[in-house]
mmCIF file of all heavy atoms, coordinates in Angstrom:
data_MODEL
# 
_entry.id   MODEL 
# 
loop_
_atom_site.group_PDB 
_atom_site.id 
_atom_site.type_symbol 
_atom_site.label_atom_id 
_atom_site.label_alt_id 
_atom_site.label_comp_id 
_atom_site.label_asym_id 
_atom_site.label_entity_id 
_atom_site.label_seq_id 
_atom_site.pdbx_PDB_ins_code 
_atom_site.Cartn_x 
_atom_site.Cartn_y 
_atom_site.Cartn_z 
_atom_site.occupancy 
_atom_site.B_iso_or_equiv 
_atom_site.pdbx_formal_charge 
_atom_site.auth_seq_id 
_atom_site.auth_comp_id 
_atom_site.auth_asym_id 
_atom_site.auth_atom_id 
_atom_site.pdbx_PDB_model_num 
ATOM 1   N N   . ASP A 1 1  ? 0.835  -1.158  0.027   1.00 0.00 ? 1  ASP A N   1 
ATOM 2   C CA  . ASP A 1 1  ? -0.023 0.003   0.006   1.00 0.00 ? 1  ASP A CA  1 
ATOM 3   C C   . ASP A 1 1  ? 0.854  1.263   0.030   1.00 0.00 ? 1  ASP A C   1 
ATOM 4   O O   . ASP A 1 1  ? 0.533  2.214   -0.657  1.00 0.00 ? 1  ASP A O   1 
ATOM 5   C CB  . ASP A 1 1  ? -0.995 0.004   1.219   1.00 0.00 ? 1  ASP A CB  1 
ATOM 6   C CG  . ASP A 1 1  ? -2.076 -0.932  1.002   1.00 0.00 ? 1  ASP A CG  1 
ATOM 7   O OD1 . ASP A 1 1  ? -2.331 -1.407  -0.056  1.00 0.00 ? 1  ASP A OD1 1 
ATOM 8   O OD2 . ASP A 1 1  ? -2.698 -1.310  2.146   1.00 0.00 ? 1  ASP A OD2 1 
ATOM 9   N N   . SER A 1 2  ? 1.944  1.167   0.780   1.00 0.00 ? 2  SER A N   1 
ATOM 10  C CA  . SER A 1 2  ? 2.875  2.355   0.809   1.00 0.00 ? 2  SER A CA  1 
ATOM 11  C C   . SER A 1 2  ? 3.463  2.698   -0.540  1.00 0.00 ? 2  SER A C   1 
ATOM 12  O O   . SER A 1 2  ? 3.630  3.846   -0.947  1.00 0.00 ? 2  SER A O   1 
ATOM 13  C CB  . SER A 1 2  ? 3.996  2.128   1.810   1.00 0.00 ? 2  SER A CB  1 
ATOM 14  O OG  . SER A 1 2  ? 4.741  0.990   1.492   1.00 0.00 ? 2  SER A OG  1 
ATOM 15  N N   . GLU A 1 3  ? 3.799  1.651   -1.315  1.00 0.00 ? 3  GLU A N   1 
ATOM 16  C CA  . GLU A 1 3  ? 4.369  1.799   -2.650  1.00 0.00 ? 3  GLU A CA  1 
ATOM 17  C C   . GLU A 1 3  ? 3.291  2.347   -3.688  1.00 0.00 ? 3  GLU A C   1 
ATOM 18  O O   . GLU A 1 3  ? 3.551  3.256   -4.402  1.00 0.00 ? 3  GLU A O   1 
ATOM 19  C CB  . GLU A 1 3  ? 4.974  0.540   -3.190  1.00 0.00 ? 3  GLU A CB  1 
ATOM 20  C CG  . GLU A 1 3  ? 6.157  0.012   -2.458  1.00 0.00 ? 3  GLU A CG  1 
ATOM 21  C CD  . GLU A 1 3  ? 6.481  -1.425  -2.706  1.00 0.00 ? 3  GLU A CD  1 
ATOM 22  O OE1 . GLU A 1 3  ? 5.597  -2.196  -3.007  1.00 0.00 ? 3  GLU A OE1 1 
ATOM 23  O OE2 . GLU A 1 3  ? 7.620  -1.691  -2.597  1.00 0.00 ? 3  GLU A OE2 1 
ATOM 24  N N   . ARG A 1 4  ? 2.086  1.825   -3.508  1.00 0.00 ? 4  ARG A N   1 
ATOM 25  C CA  . ARG A 1 4  ? 1.034  2.248   -4.380  1.00 0.00 ? 4  ARG A CA  1 
ATOM 26  C C   . ARG A 1 4  ? 0.741  3.785   -4.123  1.00 0.00 ? 4  ARG A C   1 
ATOM 27  O O   . ARG A 1 4  ? 0.525  4.540   -5.078  1.00 0.00 ? 4  ARG A O   1 
ATOM 28  C CB  . ARG A 1 4  ? -0.266 1.463   -4.078  1.00 0.00 ? 4  ARG A CB  1 
ATOM 29  C CG  . ARG A 1 4  ? -1.356 1.571   -5.113  1.00 0.00 ? 4  ARG A CG  1 
ATOM 30  C CD  . ARG A 1 4  ? -2.546 0.696   -4.823  1.00 0.00 ? 4  ARG A CD  1 
ATOM 31  N NE  . ARG A 1 4  ? -2.267 -0.667  -4.470  1.00 0.00 ? 4  ARG A NE  1 
ATOM 32  C CZ  . ARG A 1 4  ? -1.975 -1.635  -5.374  1.00 0.00 ? 4  ARG A CZ  1 
ATOM 33  N NH1 . ARG A 1 4  ? -1.921 -1.309  -6.596  1.00 0.00 ? 4  ARG A NH1 1 
ATOM 34  N NH2 . ARG A 1 4  ? -1.683 -2.835  -4.942  1.00 0.00 ? 4  ARG A NH2 1 
ATOM 35  N N   . LYS A 1 5  ? 0.757  4.132   -2.847  1.00 0.00 ? 5  LYS A N   1 
ATOM 36  C CA  . LYS A 1 5  ? 0.505  5.549   -2.512  1.00 0.00 ? 5  LYS A CA  1 
ATOM 37  C C   . LYS A 1 5  ? 1.624  6.446   -3.069  1.00 0.00 ? 5  LYS A C   1 
ATOM 38  O O   . LYS A 1 5  ? 1.388  7.481   -3.576  1.00 0.00 ? 5  LYS A O   1 
ATOM 39  C CB  . LYS A 1 5  ? 0.291  5.733   -0.985  1.00 0.00 ? 5  LYS A CB  1 
ATOM 40  C CG  . LYS A 1 5  ? -0.011 7.069   -0.537  1.00 0.00 ? 5  LYS A CG  1 
ATOM 41  C CD  . LYS A 1 5  ? -0.168 7.175   0.968   1.00 0.00 ? 5  LYS A CD  1 
ATOM 42  C CE  . LYS A 1 5  ? -0.458 8.566   1.378   1.00 0.00 ? 5  LYS A CE  1 
ATOM 43  N NZ  . LYS A 1 5  ? -0.591 8.674   2.882   1.00 0.00 ? 5  LYS A NZ  1 
ATOM 44  N N   . LEU A 1 6  ? 2.835  5.989   -2.790  1.00 0.00 ? 6  LEU A N   1 
ATOM 45  C CA  . LEU A 1 6  ? 4.067  6.807   -3.162  1.00 0.00 ? 6  LEU A CA  1 
ATOM 46  C C   . LEU A 1 6  ? 4.051  6.997   -4.712  1.00 0.00 ? 6  LEU A C   1 
ATOM 47  O O   . LEU A 1 6  ? 4.418  8.125   -5.156  1.00 0.00 ? 6  LEU A O   1 
ATOM 48  C CB  . LEU A 1 6  ? 5.282  6.033   -2.711  1.00 0.00 ? 6  LEU A CB  1 
ATOM 49  C CG  . LEU A 1 6  ? 6.624  6.666   -3.118  1.00 0.00 ? 6  LEU A CG  1 
ATOM 50  C CD1 . LEU A 1 6  ? 6.755  8.025   -2.286  1.00 0.00 ? 6  LEU A CD1 1 
ATOM 51  C CD2 . LEU A 1 6  ? 7.770  5.757   -2.645  1.00 0.00 ? 6  LEU A CD2 1 
ATOM 52  N N   . TYR A 1 7  ? 3.744  6.014   -5.515  1.00 0.00 ? 7  TYR A N   1 
ATOM 53  C CA  . TYR A 1 7  ? 3.876  6.130   -6.915  1.00 0.00 ? 7  TYR A CA  1 
ATOM 54  C C   . TYR A 1 7  ? 2.511  6.390   -7.688  1.00 0.00 ? 7  TYR A C   1 
ATOM 55  O O   . TYR A 1 7  ? 2.471  6.370   -8.916  1.00 0.00 ? 7  TYR A O   1 
ATOM 56  C CB  . TYR A 1 7  ? 4.538  4.902   -7.508  1.00 0.00 ? 7  TYR A CB  1 
ATOM 57  C CG  . TYR A 1 7  ? 5.895  4.703   -6.908  1.00 0.00 ? 7  TYR A CG  1 
ATOM 58  C CD1 . TYR A 1 7  ? 6.203  3.450   -6.240  1.00 0.00 ? 7  TYR A CD1 1 
ATOM 59  C CD2 . TYR A 1 7  ? 6.874  5.607   -6.899  1.00 0.00 ? 7  TYR A CD2 1 
ATOM 60  C CE1 . TYR A 1 7  ? 7.466  3.248   -5.720  1.00 0.00 ? 7  TYR A CE1 1 
ATOM 61  C CE2 . TYR A 1 7  ? 8.167  5.473   -6.341  1.00 0.00 ? 7  TYR A CE2 1 
ATOM 62  C CZ  . TYR A 1 7  ? 8.486  4.221   -5.756  1.00 0.00 ? 7  TYR A CZ  1 
ATOM 63  O OH  . TYR A 1 7  ? 9.663  4.034   -5.226  1.00 0.00 ? 7  TYR A OH  1 
ATOM 64  N N   . SER A 1 8  ? 1.431  6.622   -6.996  1.00 0.00 ? 8  SER A N   1 
ATOM 65  C CA  . SER A 1 8  ? 0.091  6.769   -7.574  1.00 0.00 ? 8  SER A CA  1 
ATOM 66  C C   . SER A 1 8  ? 0.093  7.919   -8.621  1.00 0.00 ? 8  SER A C   1 
ATOM 67  O O   . SER A 1 8  ? -0.646 7.830   -9.602  1.00 0.00 ? 8  SER A O   1 
ATOM 68  C CB  . SER A 1 8  ? -1.006 6.824   -6.553  1.00 0.00 ? 8  SER A CB  1 
ATOM 69  O OG  . SER A 1 8  ? -0.750 8.113   -5.779  1.00 0.00 ? 8  SER A OG  1 
ATOM 70  N N   . LYS A 1 9  ? 0.901  8.950   -8.342  1.00 0.00 ? 9  LYS A N   1 
ATOM 71  C CA  . LYS A 1 9  ? 0.828  10.137  -9.241  1.00 0.00 ? 9  LYS A CA  1 
ATOM 72  C C   . LYS A 1 9  ? 1.498  9.818   -10.645 1.00 0.00 ? 9  LYS A C   1 
ATOM 73  O O   . LYS A 1 9  ? 1.329  10.580  -11.540 1.00 0.00 ? 9  LYS A O   1 
ATOM 74  C CB  . LYS A 1 9  ? 1.536  11.313  -8.604  1.00 0.00 ? 9  LYS A CB  1 
ATOM 75  C CG  . LYS A 1 9  ? 3.011  11.083  -8.334  1.00 0.00 ? 9  LYS A CG  1 
ATOM 76  C CD  . LYS A 1 9  ? 3.580  12.347  -7.551  1.00 0.00 ? 9  LYS A CD  1 
ATOM 77  C CE  . LYS A 1 9  ? 5.124  12.151  -7.357  1.00 0.00 ? 9  LYS A CE  1 
ATOM 78  N NZ  . LYS A 1 9  ? 5.379  11.302  -6.229  1.00 0.00 ? 9  LYS A NZ  1 
ATOM 79  N N   . ASN A 1 10 ? 2.221  8.734   -10.698 1.00 0.00 ? 10 ASN A N   1 
ATOM 80  C CA  . ASN A 1 10 ? 2.956  8.443   -11.960 1.00 0.00 ? 10 ASN A CA  1 
ATOM 81  C C   . ASN A 1 10 ? 2.111  7.341   -12.766 1.00 0.00 ? 10 ASN A C   1 
ATOM 82  O O   . ASN A 1 10 ? 2.801  6.727   -13.579 1.00 0.00 ? 10 ASN A O   1 
ATOM 83  C CB  . ASN A 1 10 ? 4.335  7.856   -11.601 1.00 0.00 ? 10 ASN A CB  1 
ATOM 84  C CG  . ASN A 1 10 ? 5.206  8.894   -10.904 1.00 0.00 ? 10 ASN A CG  1 
ATOM 85  O OD1 . ASN A 1 10 ? 4.907  10.095  -10.964 1.00 0.00 ? 10 ASN A OD1 1 
ATOM 86  N ND2 . ASN A 1 10 ? 6.255  8.395   -10.271 1.00 0.00 ? 10 ASN A ND2 1 
ATOM 87  N N   . ASN A 1 11 ? 0.880  7.204   -12.542 1.00 0.00 ? 11 ASN A N   1 
ATOM 88  C CA  . ASN A 1 11 ? 0.054  6.233   -13.312 1.00 0.00 ? 11 ASN A CA  1 
ATOM 89  C C   . ASN A 1 11 ? 0.591  4.851   -13.132 1.00 0.00 ? 11 ASN A C   1 
ATOM 90  O O   . ASN A 1 11 ? 0.716  4.064   -14.019 1.00 0.00 ? 11 ASN A O   1 
ATOM 91  C CB  . ASN A 1 11 ? -0.066 6.564   -14.762 1.00 0.00 ? 11 ASN A CB  1 
ATOM 92  C CG  . ASN A 1 11 ? -1.184 5.922   -15.447 1.00 0.00 ? 11 ASN A CG  1 
ATOM 93  O OD1 . ASN A 1 11 ? -2.190 5.510   -14.784 1.00 0.00 ? 11 ASN A OD1 1 
ATOM 94  N ND2 . ASN A 1 11 ? -1.032 5.708   -16.762 1.00 0.00 ? 11 ASN A ND2 1 
ATOM 95  N N   . PHE A 1 12 ? 1.033  4.538   -11.938 1.00 0.00 ? 12 PHE A N   1 
ATOM 96  C CA  . PHE A 1 12 ? 1.641  3.297   -11.618 1.00 0.00 ? 12 PHE A CA  1 
ATOM 97  C C   . PHE A 1 12 ? 0.555  2.256   -11.323 1.00 0.00 ? 12 PHE A C   1 
ATOM 98  O O   . PHE A 1 12 ? -0.374 2.400   -10.677 1.00 0.00 ? 12 PHE A O   1 
ATOM 99  C CB  . PHE A 1 12 ? 2.449  3.508   -10.255 1.00 0.00 ? 12 PHE A CB  1 
ATOM 100 C CG  . PHE A 1 12 ? 3.296  2.261   -9.766  1.00 0.00 ? 12 PHE A CG  1 
ATOM 101 C CD1 . PHE A 1 12 ? 4.371  1.913   -10.479 1.00 0.00 ? 12 PHE A CD1 1 
ATOM 102 C CD2 . PHE A 1 12 ? 2.950  1.654   -8.618  1.00 0.00 ? 12 PHE A CD2 1 
ATOM 103 C CE1 . PHE A 1 12 ? 5.160  0.842   -10.131 1.00 0.00 ? 12 PHE A CE1 1 
ATOM 104 C CE2 . PHE A 1 12 ? 3.666  0.556   -8.151  1.00 0.00 ? 12 PHE A CE2 1 
ATOM 105 C CZ  . PHE A 1 12 ? 4.815  0.175   -8.922  1.00 0.00 ? 12 PHE A CZ  1 
ATOM 106 N N   . GLN A 1 13 ? 0.640  1.050   -12.101 1.00 0.00 ? 13 GLN A N   1 
ATOM 107 C CA  . GLN A 1 13 ? -0.420 0.097   -11.972 1.00 0.00 ? 13 GLN A CA  1 
ATOM 108 C C   . GLN A 1 13 ? 0.283  -1.318  -11.800 1.00 0.00 ? 13 GLN A C   1 
ATOM 109 O O   . GLN A 1 13 ? 1.432  -1.522  -12.277 1.00 0.00 ? 13 GLN A O   1 
ATOM 110 C CB  . GLN A 1 13 ? -1.247 0.023   -13.244 1.00 0.00 ? 13 GLN A CB  1 
ATOM 111 C CG  . GLN A 1 13 ? -2.025 1.316   -13.485 1.00 0.00 ? 13 GLN A CG  1 
ATOM 112 C CD  . GLN A 1 13 ? -2.815 1.270   -14.772 1.00 0.00 ? 13 GLN A CD  1 
ATOM 113 O OE1 . GLN A 1 13 ? -3.301 0.168   -15.084 1.00 0.00 ? 13 GLN A OE1 1 
ATOM 114 N NE2 . GLN A 1 13 ? -2.894 2.326   -15.471 1.00 0.00 ? 13 GLN A NE2 1 
ATOM 115 N N   . GLN A 1 14 ? -0.480 -2.262  -11.258 1.00 0.00 ? 14 GLN A N   1 
ATOM 116 C CA  . GLN A 1 14 ? -0.062 -3.577  -11.118 1.00 0.00 ? 14 GLN A CA  1 
ATOM 117 C C   . GLN A 1 14 ? -0.904 -4.484  -11.920 1.00 0.00 ? 14 GLN A C   1 
ATOM 118 O O   . GLN A 1 14 ? -2.132 -4.374  -11.872 1.00 0.00 ? 14 GLN A O   1 
ATOM 119 C CB  . GLN A 1 14 ? -0.066 -3.991  -9.570  1.00 0.00 ? 14 GLN A CB  1 
ATOM 120 C CG  . GLN A 1 14 ? 0.146  -5.433  -9.257  1.00 0.00 ? 14 GLN A CG  1 
ATOM 121 C CD  . GLN A 1 14 ? 0.048  -5.706  -7.864  1.00 0.00 ? 14 GLN A CD  1 
ATOM 122 O OE1 . GLN A 1 14 ? 1.019  -5.529  -7.080  1.00 0.00 ? 14 GLN A OE1 1 
ATOM 123 N NE2 . GLN A 1 14 ? -1.015 -6.347  -7.441  1.00 0.00 ? 14 GLN A NE2 1 
ATOM 124 N N   . PHE A 1 15 ? -0.310 -5.481  -12.576 1.00 0.00 ? 15 PHE A N   1 
ATOM 125 C CA  . PHE A 1 15 ? -1.020 -6.539  -13.371 1.00 0.00 ? 15 PHE A CA  1 
ATOM 126 C C   . PHE A 1 15 ? -0.610 -7.839  -12.926 1.00 0.00 ? 15 PHE A C   1 
ATOM 127 O O   . PHE A 1 15 ? 0.620  -8.147  -13.121 1.00 0.00 ? 15 PHE A O   1 
ATOM 128 C CB  . PHE A 1 15 ? -0.863 -6.290  -14.876 1.00 0.00 ? 15 PHE A CB  1 
ATOM 129 C CG  . PHE A 1 15 ? -1.356 -4.988  -15.385 1.00 0.00 ? 15 PHE A CG  1 
ATOM 130 C CD1 . PHE A 1 15 ? -0.441 -3.919  -15.485 1.00 0.00 ? 15 PHE A CD1 1 
ATOM 131 C CD2 . PHE A 1 15 ? -2.705 -4.797  -15.685 1.00 0.00 ? 15 PHE A CD2 1 
ATOM 132 C CE1 . PHE A 1 15 ? -0.932 -2.690  -15.927 1.00 0.00 ? 15 PHE A CE1 1 
ATOM 133 C CE2 . PHE A 1 15 ? -3.162 -3.551  -16.095 1.00 0.00 ? 15 PHE A CE2 1 
ATOM 134 C CZ  . PHE A 1 15 ? -2.326 -2.520  -16.223 1.00 0.00 ? 15 PHE A CZ  1 
ATOM 135 N N   . PHE A 1 16 ? -1.375 -8.691  -12.416 1.00 0.00 ? 16 PHE A N   1 
ATOM 136 C CA  . PHE A 1 16 ? -0.998 -10.037 -12.039 1.00 0.00 ? 16 PHE A CA  1 
ATOM 137 C C   . PHE A 1 16 ? -1.040 -10.924 -13.204 1.00 0.00 ? 16 PHE A C   1 
ATOM 138 O O   . PHE A 1 16 ? -2.013 -11.022 -13.947 1.00 0.00 ? 16 PHE A O   1 
ATOM 139 C CB  . PHE A 1 16 ? -1.930 -10.605 -10.968 1.00 0.00 ? 16 PHE A CB  1 
ATOM 140 C CG  . PHE A 1 16 ? -1.702 -12.011 -10.618 1.00 0.00 ? 16 PHE A CG  1 
ATOM 141 C CD1 . PHE A 1 16 ? -0.650 -12.282 -9.702  1.00 0.00 ? 16 PHE A CD1 1 
ATOM 142 C CD2 . PHE A 1 16 ? -2.380 -13.066 -11.185 1.00 0.00 ? 16 PHE A CD2 1 
ATOM 143 C CE1 . PHE A 1 16 ? -0.414 -13.551 -9.370  1.00 0.00 ? 16 PHE A CE1 1 
ATOM 144 C CE2 . PHE A 1 16 ? -2.106 -14.330 -10.923 1.00 0.00 ? 16 PHE A CE2 1 
ATOM 145 C CZ  . PHE A 1 16 ? -1.106 -14.664 -9.970  1.00 0.00 ? 16 PHE A CZ  1 
ATOM 146 N N   . ILE A 1 17 ? 0.146  -11.643 -13.548 1.00 0.00 ? 17 ILE A N   1 
ATOM 147 C CA  . ILE A 1 17 ? 0.208  -12.505 -14.685 1.00 0.00 ? 17 ILE A CA  1 
ATOM 148 C C   . ILE A 1 17 ? 0.630  -13.949 -14.293 1.00 0.00 ? 17 ILE A C   1 
ATOM 149 O O   . ILE A 1 17 ? 0.544  -14.863 -15.103 1.00 0.00 ? 17 ILE A O   1 
ATOM 150 C CB  . ILE A 1 17 ? 1.122  -11.972 -15.784 1.00 0.00 ? 17 ILE A CB  1 
ATOM 151 C CG1 . ILE A 1 17 ? 2.535  -11.836 -15.238 1.00 0.00 ? 17 ILE A CG1 1 
ATOM 152 C CG2 . ILE A 1 17 ? 0.604  -10.681 -16.327 1.00 0.00 ? 17 ILE A CG2 1 
ATOM 153 C CD1 . ILE A 1 17 ? 3.626  -11.585 -16.282 1.00 0.00 ? 17 ILE A CD1 1 
ATOM 154 N N   . GLY A 1 18 ? 1.018  -14.235 -13.067 1.00 0.00 ? 18 GLY A N   1 
ATOM 155 C CA  . GLY A 1 18 ? 1.358  -15.553 -12.639 1.00 0.00 ? 18 GLY A CA  1 
ATOM 156 C C   . GLY A 1 18 ? 2.004  -15.620 -11.293 1.00 0.00 ? 18 GLY A C   1 
ATOM 157 O O   . GLY A 1 18 ? 2.191  -14.572 -10.672 1.00 0.00 ? 18 GLY A O   1 
ATOM 158 N N   . TYR A 1 19 ? 2.431  -16.841 -10.924 1.00 0.00 ? 19 TYR A N   1 
ATOM 159 C CA  . TYR A 1 19 ? 3.048  -17.051 -9.592  1.00 0.00 ? 19 TYR A CA  1 
ATOM 160 C C   . TYR A 1 19 ? 4.558  -17.233 -9.721  1.00 0.00 ? 19 TYR A C   1 
ATOM 161 O O   . TYR A 1 19 ? 5.022  -17.764 -10.821 1.00 0.00 ? 19 TYR A O   1 
ATOM 162 C CB  . TYR A 1 19 ? 2.420  -18.204 -8.900  1.00 0.00 ? 19 TYR A CB  1 
ATOM 163 C CG  . TYR A 1 19 ? 1.066  -18.033 -8.443  1.00 0.00 ? 19 TYR A CG  1 
ATOM 164 C CD1 . TYR A 1 19 ? -0.027 -18.515 -9.076  1.00 0.00 ? 19 TYR A CD1 1 
ATOM 165 C CD2 . TYR A 1 19 ? 0.832  -17.400 -7.203  1.00 0.00 ? 19 TYR A CD2 1 
ATOM 166 C CE1 . TYR A 1 19 ? -1.274 -18.361 -8.504  1.00 0.00 ? 19 TYR A CE1 1 
ATOM 167 C CE2 . TYR A 1 19 ? -0.407 -17.179 -6.686  1.00 0.00 ? 19 TYR A CE2 1 
ATOM 168 C CZ  . TYR A 1 19 ? -1.549 -17.694 -7.414  1.00 0.00 ? 19 TYR A CZ  1 
ATOM 169 O OH  . TYR A 1 19 ? -2.718 -17.520 -6.930  1.00 0.00 ? 19 TYR A OH  1 
ATOM 170 N N   . ASP A 1 20 ? 5.252  -16.897 -8.746  1.00 0.00 ? 20 ASP A N   1 
ATOM 171 C CA  . ASP A 1 20 ? 6.736  -17.093 -8.739  1.00 0.00 ? 20 ASP A CA  1 
ATOM 172 C C   . ASP A 1 20 ? 6.940  -18.444 -8.111  1.00 0.00 ? 20 ASP A C   1 
ATOM 173 O O   . ASP A 1 20 ? 6.437  -18.769 -7.006  1.00 0.00 ? 20 ASP A O   1 
ATOM 174 C CB  . ASP A 1 20 ? 7.303  -16.050 -7.791  1.00 0.00 ? 20 ASP A CB  1 
ATOM 175 C CG  . ASP A 1 20 ? 8.823  -16.123 -7.760  1.00 0.00 ? 20 ASP A CG  1 
ATOM 176 O OD1 . ASP A 1 20 ? 9.462  -16.802 -8.532  1.00 0.00 ? 20 ASP A OD1 1 
ATOM 177 O OD2 . ASP A 1 20 ? 9.447  -15.460 -6.928  1.00 0.00 ? 20 ASP A OD2 1 
ATOM 178 N N   . GLY A 1 21 ? 7.508  -19.358 -8.816  1.00 0.00 ? 21 GLY A N   1 
ATOM 179 C CA  . GLY A 1 21 ? 7.764  -20.798 -8.362  1.00 0.00 ? 21 GLY A CA  1 
ATOM 180 C C   . GLY A 1 21 ? 8.991  -20.875 -7.464  1.00 0.00 ? 21 GLY A C   1 
ATOM 181 O O   . GLY A 1 21 ? 9.959  -20.198 -7.697  1.00 0.00 ? 21 GLY A O   1 
ATOM 182 N N   . VAL A 1 22 ? 8.872  -21.696 -6.438  1.00 0.00 ? 22 VAL A N   1 
ATOM 183 C CA  . VAL A 1 22 ? 9.993  -21.905 -5.534  1.00 0.00 ? 22 VAL A CA  1 
ATOM 184 C C   . VAL A 1 22 ? 10.118 -23.447 -5.454  1.00 0.00 ? 22 VAL A C   1 
ATOM 185 O O   . VAL A 1 22 ? 9.143  -24.178 -5.213  1.00 0.00 ? 22 VAL A O   1 
ATOM 186 C CB  . VAL A 1 22 ? 9.702  -21.386 -4.109  1.00 0.00 ? 22 VAL A CB  1 
ATOM 187 C CG1 . VAL A 1 22 ? 10.800 -21.722 -3.152  1.00 0.00 ? 22 VAL A CG1 1 
ATOM 188 C CG2 . VAL A 1 22 ? 9.530  -19.906 -4.214  1.00 0.00 ? 22 VAL A CG2 1 
ATOM 189 N N   . CYS A 1 23 ? 11.341 -23.903 -5.625  1.00 0.00 ? 23 CYS A N   1 
ATOM 190 C CA  . CYS A 1 23 ? 11.660 -25.350 -5.601  1.00 0.00 ? 23 CYS A CA  1 
ATOM 191 C C   . CYS A 1 23 ? 12.455 -25.624 -4.322  1.00 0.00 ? 23 CYS A C   1 
ATOM 192 O O   . CYS A 1 23 ? 13.493 -24.968 -4.119  1.00 0.00 ? 23 CYS A O   1 
ATOM 193 C CB  . CYS A 1 23 ? 12.413 -25.741 -6.835  1.00 0.00 ? 23 CYS A CB  1 
ATOM 194 S SG  . CYS A 1 23 ? 12.871 -27.511 -6.874  1.00 0.00 ? 23 CYS A SG  1 
ATOM 195 N N   . ILE A 1 24 ? 12.078 -26.590 -3.460  1.00 0.00 ? 24 ILE A N   1 
ATOM 196 C CA  . ILE A 1 24 ? 12.848 -26.976 -2.359  1.00 0.00 ? 24 ILE A CA  1 
ATOM 197 C C   . ILE A 1 24 ? 13.438 -28.330 -2.593  1.00 0.00 ? 24 ILE A C   1 
ATOM 198 O O   . ILE A 1 24 ? 12.801 -29.253 -3.030  1.00 0.00 ? 24 ILE A O   1 
ATOM 199 C CB  . ILE A 1 24 ? 11.857 -27.080 -1.124  1.00 0.00 ? 24 ILE A CB  1 
ATOM 200 C CG1 . ILE A 1 24 ? 11.057 -25.797 -0.917  1.00 0.00 ? 24 ILE A CG1 1 
ATOM 201 C CG2 . ILE A 1 24 ? 12.652 -27.362 0.107   1.00 0.00 ? 24 ILE A CG2 1 
ATOM 202 C CD1 . ILE A 1 24 ? 11.790 -24.482 -0.801  1.00 0.00 ? 24 ILE A CD1 1 
ATOM 203 N N   . VAL A 1 25 ? 14.766 -28.386 -2.349  1.00 0.00 ? 25 VAL A N   1 
ATOM 204 C CA  . VAL A 1 25 ? 15.451 -29.692 -2.565  1.00 0.00 ? 25 VAL A CA  1 
ATOM 205 C C   . VAL A 1 25 ? 16.248 -30.011 -1.326  1.00 0.00 ? 25 VAL A C   1 
ATOM 206 O O   . VAL A 1 25 ? 16.624 -29.110 -0.507  1.00 0.00 ? 25 VAL A O   1 
ATOM 207 C CB  . VAL A 1 25 ? 16.444 -29.642 -3.762  1.00 0.00 ? 25 VAL A CB  1 
ATOM 208 C CG1 . VAL A 1 25 ? 15.623 -29.402 -5.030  1.00 0.00 ? 25 VAL A CG1 1 
ATOM 209 C CG2 . VAL A 1 25 ? 17.430 -28.562 -3.619  1.00 0.00 ? 25 VAL A CG2 1 
ATOM 210 N N   . VAL A 1 26 ? 16.501 -31.275 -1.052  1.00 0.00 ? 26 VAL A N   1 
ATOM 211 C CA  . VAL A 1 26 ? 17.356 -31.746 0.032   1.00 0.00 ? 26 VAL A CA  1 
ATOM 212 C C   . VAL A 1 26 ? 18.433 -32.625 -0.651  1.00 0.00 ? 26 VAL A C   1 
ATOM 213 O O   . VAL A 1 26 ? 18.215 -33.151 -1.655  1.00 0.00 ? 26 VAL A O   1 
ATOM 214 C CB  . VAL A 1 26 ? 16.584 -32.570 1.128   1.00 0.00 ? 26 VAL A CB  1 
ATOM 215 C CG1 . VAL A 1 26 ? 15.533 -31.606 1.774   1.00 0.00 ? 26 VAL A CG1 1 
ATOM 216 C CG2 . VAL A 1 26 ? 15.938 -33.800 0.578   1.00 0.00 ? 26 VAL A CG2 1 
ATOM 217 N N   . SER A 1 27 ? 19.544 -32.731 0.120   1.00 0.00 ? 27 SER A N   1 
ATOM 218 C CA  . SER A 1 27 ? 20.631 -33.566 -0.378  1.00 0.00 ? 27 SER A CA  1 
ATOM 219 C C   . SER A 1 27 ? 20.201 -35.033 -0.440  1.00 0.00 ? 27 SER A C   1 
ATOM 220 O O   . SER A 1 27 ? 19.250 -35.439 0.282   1.00 0.00 ? 27 SER A O   1 
ATOM 221 C CB  . SER A 1 27 ? 21.843 -33.408 0.447   1.00 0.00 ? 27 SER A CB  1 
ATOM 222 O OG  . SER A 1 27 ? 21.618 -33.924 1.760   1.00 0.00 ? 27 SER A OG  1 
ATOM 223 N N   . LYS A 1 28 ? 20.875 -35.906 -1.197  1.00 0.00 ? 28 LYS A N   1 
ATOM 224 C CA  . LYS A 1 28 ? 20.584 -37.296 -1.262  1.00 0.00 ? 28 LYS A CA  1 
ATOM 225 C C   . LYS A 1 28 ? 20.783 -37.901 0.066   1.00 0.00 ? 28 LYS A C   1 
ATOM 226 O O   . LYS A 1 28 ? 20.008 -38.749 0.521   1.00 0.00 ? 28 LYS A O   1 
ATOM 227 C CB  . LYS A 1 28 ? 21.519 -37.938 -2.327  1.00 0.00 ? 28 LYS A CB  1 
ATOM 228 C CG  . LYS A 1 28 ? 21.290 -39.466 -2.468  1.00 0.00 ? 28 LYS A CG  1 
ATOM 229 C CD  . LYS A 1 28 ? 22.112 -39.993 -3.579  1.00 0.00 ? 28 LYS A CD  1 
ATOM 230 C CE  . LYS A 1 28 ? 21.999 -41.445 -3.829  1.00 0.00 ? 28 LYS A CE  1 
ATOM 231 N NZ  . LYS A 1 28 ? 21.115 -42.244 -3.122  1.00 0.00 ? 28 LYS A NZ  1 
ATOM 232 N N   . GLN A 1 29 ? 21.745 -37.411 0.864   1.00 0.00 ? 29 GLN A N   1 
ATOM 233 C CA  . GLN A 1 29 ? 22.079 -37.953 2.187   1.00 0.00 ? 29 GLN A CA  1 
ATOM 234 C C   . GLN A 1 29 ? 20.794 -37.734 3.082   1.00 0.00 ? 29 GLN A C   1 
ATOM 235 O O   . GLN A 1 29 ? 20.418 -38.673 3.821   1.00 0.00 ? 29 GLN A O   1 
ATOM 236 C CB  . GLN A 1 29 ? 23.256 -37.313 2.783   1.00 0.00 ? 29 GLN A CB  1 
ATOM 237 C CG  . GLN A 1 29 ? 23.559 -37.734 4.129   1.00 0.00 ? 29 GLN A CG  1 
ATOM 238 C CD  . GLN A 1 29 ? 24.726 -36.928 4.791   1.00 0.00 ? 29 GLN A CD  1 
ATOM 239 O OE1 . GLN A 1 29 ? 25.201 -35.922 4.208   1.00 0.00 ? 29 GLN A OE1 1 
ATOM 240 N NE2 . GLN A 1 29 ? 25.092 -37.203 6.083   1.00 0.00 ? 29 GLN A NE2 1 
# 
């Protein structure tokens, strides 16, 4: 919200297009 308020005068918009994937791995051991 603070970023949206700070940059609102610059026609700043957000568009959701997907998720950021995170992969968790453990060693073979």
